[in-house]
């Protein structure tokens, strides 16, 4: 991958092999502010890569090192997500500073980077996730405007299931048990449901378990979820 080197001192040694990719948005008014913070020793945050809105990819931390992007998080029994993941920050002001759609050239660069990392580390589609997936109580990024379907069509992320859907008629407890089995931390049920909706049903994020949510989750738990890939 062609990257601009912009080293950050904010890293330490991994304790786990790389099995995940976590996508974030920067959530700051400008790219310059976000990059400066990710390189500031006092901030104690970083990421492996930053993808700017013009498609430029910056490398801040070497893949072999543990960047500090996930914070307190959980995914599929992994508690030290920083050790197990590559963190990619996508420049976007986020929900607090004028959240907006991601430019095509930026998404193209994200696709190239994710494809490269997925192949290099043999990462499964189910372990290419958003920050909101691994930290639903705290985070909303990369948010409902991020085009996950672009990645799914290239088998770089799980698709939103659309075929052969069946309603299992789960109650709340059963739905959350299935959500936990899929990978989410469900200690805050409402937050976990909204994170799931933000990722797989972004047009309605209300924290309510309806038939569509149940059908999507059931399909995702099957060996080969079928969607518009």
Protein backbone atom coordinates (compact mmCIF):
# COMPACT_ATOMS: atom_id res chain seq x y z
CA UNK A 1 0.00 0.00 0.00
CA UNK A 2 1.18 3.52 -0.82
CA UNK A 3 1.07 5.47 2.44
CA UNK A 4 2.34 8.78 3.75
CA UNK A 5 4.42 8.12 6.83
CA UNK A 6 3.26 10.20 9.82
CA UNK A 7 4.62 8.34 12.86
CA UNK A 8 2.85 8.49 16.21
CA UNK A 9 4.64 7.65 19.47
CA UNK A 10 1.43 6.24 20.92
CA UNK A 11 1.81 2.47 20.76
CA UNK A 12 3.15 -0.51 22.66
CA UNK A 13 3.62 -4.24 22.08
CA UNK A 14 0.82 -6.53 20.94
CA UNK A 15 -0.25 -9.39 23.17
CA UNK A 16 -2.40 -11.10 20.52
CA UNK A 17 -2.15 -11.85 16.78
CA UNK A 18 -4.01 -9.59 14.37
CA UNK A 19 -7.50 -10.99 13.76
CA UNK A 20 -9.61 -7.84 13.39
CA UNK A 21 -9.93 -4.53 11.56
CA UNK A 22 -11.75 -1.70 13.34
CA UNK A 23 -13.07 1.28 11.36
CA UNK A 24 -13.53 4.66 13.06
CA UNK A 25 -14.27 8.21 12.07
CA UNK A 26 -11.98 10.91 13.44
CA UNK A 27 -14.87 12.91 14.93
CA UNK A 28 -13.03 16.24 14.95
CA UNK A 29 -13.68 19.42 12.95
CA UNK A 30 -10.65 19.03 10.68
CA UNK A 31 -8.27 16.33 9.52
CA UNK A 32 -5.29 18.35 10.77
CA UNK A 33 -6.69 18.48 14.30
CA UNK A 34 -7.42 14.75 14.29
CA UNK A 35 -3.98 13.79 12.98
CA UNK A 36 -2.28 16.09 15.48
CA UNK A 37 -4.17 14.48 18.35
CA UNK A 38 -3.35 10.97 17.14
CA UNK A 39 0.35 11.94 17.14
CA UNK A 40 0.35 13.84 20.44
CA UNK A 41 1.98 11.83 23.25
CA UNK A 42 -0.25 13.46 25.86
CA UNK A 43 -3.45 12.29 24.14
CA UNK A 44 -2.62 8.59 24.60
CA UNK A 45 -4.65 7.71 21.49
CA UNK A 46 -3.55 6.59 18.04
CA UNK A 47 -4.46 4.41 15.07
CA UNK A 48 -2.47 2.46 12.54
CA UNK A 49 -3.88 4.39 9.58
CA UNK A 50 -5.78 7.58 8.78
CA UNK A 51 -7.68 7.91 5.50
CA UNK A 52 -8.20 11.55 4.52
CA UNK A 53 -11.18 12.78 2.52
CA UNK A 54 -9.05 13.12 -0.62
CA UNK A 55 -8.07 9.43 -0.40
CA UNK A 56 -4.61 9.96 1.08
CA UNK A 57 -3.62 7.14 3.46
CA UNK A 58 -1.35 8.02 6.35
CA UNK A 59 0.44 5.37 8.41
CA UNK A 60 0.88 6.37 12.04
CA UNK A 61 1.72 3.07 13.73
CA UNK A 62 3.34 -0.03 12.27
CA UNK A 63 0.99 -3.00 11.92
CA UNK A 64 3.13 -5.09 14.24
CA UNK A 65 2.58 -2.66 17.12
CA UNK A 66 -0.47 -2.15 19.33
CA UNK A 67 -2.08 1.21 18.54
CA UNK A 68 -4.47 2.80 21.05
CA UNK A 69 -7.71 3.23 19.13
CA UNK A 70 -10.30 0.87 20.65
CA UNK A 71 -10.35 1.85 24.32
CA UNK A 72 -12.56 -0.27 26.53
CA UNK A 73 -14.14 -2.63 24.03
CA UNK A 74 -15.22 -6.18 23.31
CA UNK A 75 -15.83 -8.35 20.28
CA UNK A 76 -16.40 -12.11 20.15
CA UNK A 77 -14.68 -12.87 23.47
CA UNK A 78 -11.76 -10.53 22.75
CA UNK A 79 -11.37 -7.92 25.49
CA UNK A 80 -8.01 -6.49 24.41
CA UNK A 81 -9.21 -5.34 21.00
CA UNK A 82 -6.20 -3.05 20.60
CA UNK A 83 -3.88 -6.06 20.69
CA UNK A 84 -5.96 -8.04 18.20
CA UNK A 85 -6.78 -5.35 15.66
CA UNK A 86 -5.66 -2.85 13.06
CA UNK A 87 -7.30 0.54 13.65
CA UNK A 88 -8.28 2.74 10.70
CA UNK A 89 -9.43 6.31 11.32
CA UNK A 90 -11.52 7.78 8.49
CA UNK A 91 -11.54 11.56 8.39
CA UNK A 92 -15.08 12.81 9.07
CA UNK A 93 -16.25 15.42 11.60
CA UNK A 94 -18.68 12.93 13.10
CA UNK A 95 -22.00 13.36 14.85
CA UNK A 96 -20.80 16.19 17.09
CA UNK A 97 -19.25 18.38 14.39
CA UNK A 98 -21.41 18.03 11.26
CA UNK A 99 -21.53 14.36 10.29
CA UNK A 100 -21.56 13.99 6.51
CA UNK A 101 -21.32 11.39 3.79
CA UNK A 102 -17.94 9.92 2.99
CA UNK A 103 -16.51 11.03 -0.40
CA UNK A 104 -16.16 8.32 -3.03
CA UNK A 105 -12.41 8.79 -3.33
CA UNK A 106 -12.10 8.30 0.42
CA UNK A 107 -14.25 5.16 0.40
CA UNK A 108 -12.20 3.80 -2.50
CA UNK A 109 -9.05 4.25 -0.43
CA UNK A 110 -10.65 2.55 2.59
CA UNK A 111 -11.65 -0.37 0.37
CA UNK A 112 -8.09 -0.76 -0.94
CA UNK A 113 -6.61 -0.59 2.54
CA UNK A 114 -9.09 -3.04 4.07
CA UNK A 115 -8.61 -5.47 1.18
CA UNK A 116 -4.83 -5.33 1.64
CA UNK A 117 -5.04 -5.92 5.39
CA UNK A 118 -7.71 -8.62 5.13
CA UNK A 119 -5.54 -10.61 2.75
CA UNK A 120 -2.31 -10.00 4.62
CA UNK A 121 -3.68 -11.18 7.98
CA UNK A 122 -6.37 -13.57 6.72
CA UNK A 123 -9.08 -11.70 8.61
CA UNK A 124 -12.64 -13.01 8.38
CA UNK A 125 -15.47 -10.76 7.26
CA UNK A 126 -17.14 -11.02 10.65
CA UNK A 127 -14.11 -9.44 12.28
CA UNK A 128 -14.15 -6.30 10.13
CA UNK A 129 -16.19 -4.04 12.38
CA UNK A 130 -16.97 -0.49 13.37
CA UNK A 131 -15.99 1.24 16.59
CA UNK A 132 -19.66 1.26 17.57
CA UNK A 133 -19.77 -2.53 17.23
CA UNK A 134 -16.97 -3.07 19.75
CA UNK A 135 -17.94 -0.25 22.14
CA UNK A 136 -21.72 0.26 21.78
CA UNK A 137 -22.10 2.10 25.08
CA UNK A 138 -19.57 4.76 24.10
CA UNK A 139 -19.26 5.09 20.34
CA UNK A 140 -21.31 5.71 17.18
CA UNK A 141 -18.58 5.65 14.53
CA UNK A 142 -18.11 5.22 11.66
CA UNK A 143 -21.87 5.73 11.79
CA UNK A 144 -24.97 5.12 9.75
CA UNK A 145 -23.65 6.98 6.68
CA UNK A 146 -20.67 4.71 6.22
CA UNK A 147 -21.23 2.54 3.11
CA UNK A 148 -20.70 -0.92 4.55
CA UNK A 149 -22.47 -2.34 1.50
CA UNK A 150 -19.49 -1.27 -0.65
CA UNK A 151 -17.20 -3.43 1.45
CA UNK A 152 -19.69 -6.29 1.63
CA UNK A 153 -19.98 -6.54 -2.15
CA UNK A 154 -16.23 -7.14 -2.27
CA UNK A 155 -16.40 -9.64 0.61
CA UNK A 156 -14.60 -7.19 2.88
CA UNK A 157 -17.40 -7.12 5.46
CA UNK A 158 -20.53 -9.04 6.27
CA UNK A 159 -23.52 -8.10 4.08
CA UNK A 160 -26.89 -6.99 5.30
CA UNK A 161 -28.93 -10.17 4.81
CA UNK A 162 -31.78 -9.75 2.31
CA UNK A 163 -32.60 -13.26 1.12
CA UNK A 164 -34.60 -16.12 2.63
CA UNK A 165 -35.33 -14.13 5.79
CA UNK A 166 -37.38 -15.76 8.53
CA UNK A 167 -38.66 -14.25 11.78
CA UNK A 168 -37.65 -16.34 14.83
CA UNK A 169 -40.05 -14.30 17.02
CA UNK A 170 -37.45 -13.87 19.77
CA UNK A 171 -38.30 -11.86 22.85
CA UNK A 172 -35.85 -9.27 24.13
CA UNK A 173 -33.83 -11.72 26.24
CA UNK A 174 -33.49 -14.22 23.40
CA UNK A 175 -32.60 -11.48 20.90
CA UNK A 176 -29.87 -10.15 23.18
CA UNK A 177 -28.54 -13.66 23.75
CA UNK A 178 -28.29 -14.06 19.96
CA UNK A 179 -26.68 -10.61 19.70
CA UNK A 180 -24.08 -11.64 22.28
CA UNK A 181 -23.46 -14.87 20.40
CA UNK A 182 -22.87 -12.84 17.24
CA UNK A 183 -20.21 -10.75 19.00
CA UNK A 184 -21.68 -7.74 20.80
CA UNK A 185 -21.30 -6.72 24.43
CA UNK A 186 -24.94 -6.66 25.59
CA UNK A 187 -24.39 -5.39 29.12
CA UNK A 188 -26.28 -2.28 27.98
CA UNK A 189 -29.05 -3.85 25.92
CA UNK A 190 -30.35 -0.65 24.35
CA UNK A 191 -26.87 0.46 23.29
CA UNK A 192 -26.12 -2.95 21.79
CA UNK A 193 -29.39 -3.02 19.84
CA UNK A 194 -28.77 0.49 18.47
CA UNK A 195 -25.20 -0.43 17.48
CA UNK A 196 -26.54 -3.46 15.64
CA UNK A 197 -29.12 -1.30 13.87
CA UNK A 198 -26.55 1.36 13.01
CA UNK A 199 -24.49 -1.29 11.28
CA UNK A 200 -27.10 -3.54 9.66
CA UNK A 201 -30.32 -1.45 9.51
CA UNK A 202 -29.12 2.17 9.52
CA UNK A 203 -32.32 3.74 8.20
CA UNK A 204 -34.04 3.21 11.57
CA UNK A 205 -31.95 3.33 14.74
CA UNK A 206 -34.48 3.34 17.55
CA UNK A 207 -33.33 0.58 19.91
CA UNK A 208 -36.58 -1.32 19.33
CA UNK A 209 -36.44 -5.01 18.47
CA UNK A 210 -38.75 -5.54 15.52
CA UNK A 211 -39.27 -8.34 13.02
CA UNK A 212 -36.69 -6.94 10.61
CA UNK A 213 -34.00 -6.83 13.29
CA UNK A 214 -34.78 -10.38 14.34
CA UNK A 215 -34.67 -11.66 10.77
CA UNK A 216 -31.38 -9.90 10.00
CA UNK A 217 -29.70 -11.20 13.14
CA UNK A 218 -30.90 -14.76 12.59
CA UNK A 219 -29.55 -14.68 9.02
CA UNK A 220 -26.19 -13.34 10.23
CA UNK A 221 -25.85 -16.29 12.58
CA UNK A 222 -26.19 -18.75 9.71
CA UNK A 223 -22.98 -20.05 8.04
CA UNK A 224 -23.41 -17.94 4.90
CA UNK A 225 -25.56 -14.80 5.29
CA UNK A 226 -26.96 -13.81 1.90
CA UNK A 227 -27.26 -10.18 0.90
CA UNK A 228 -26.63 -7.76 -1.93
CA UNK A 229 -22.96 -8.56 -2.38
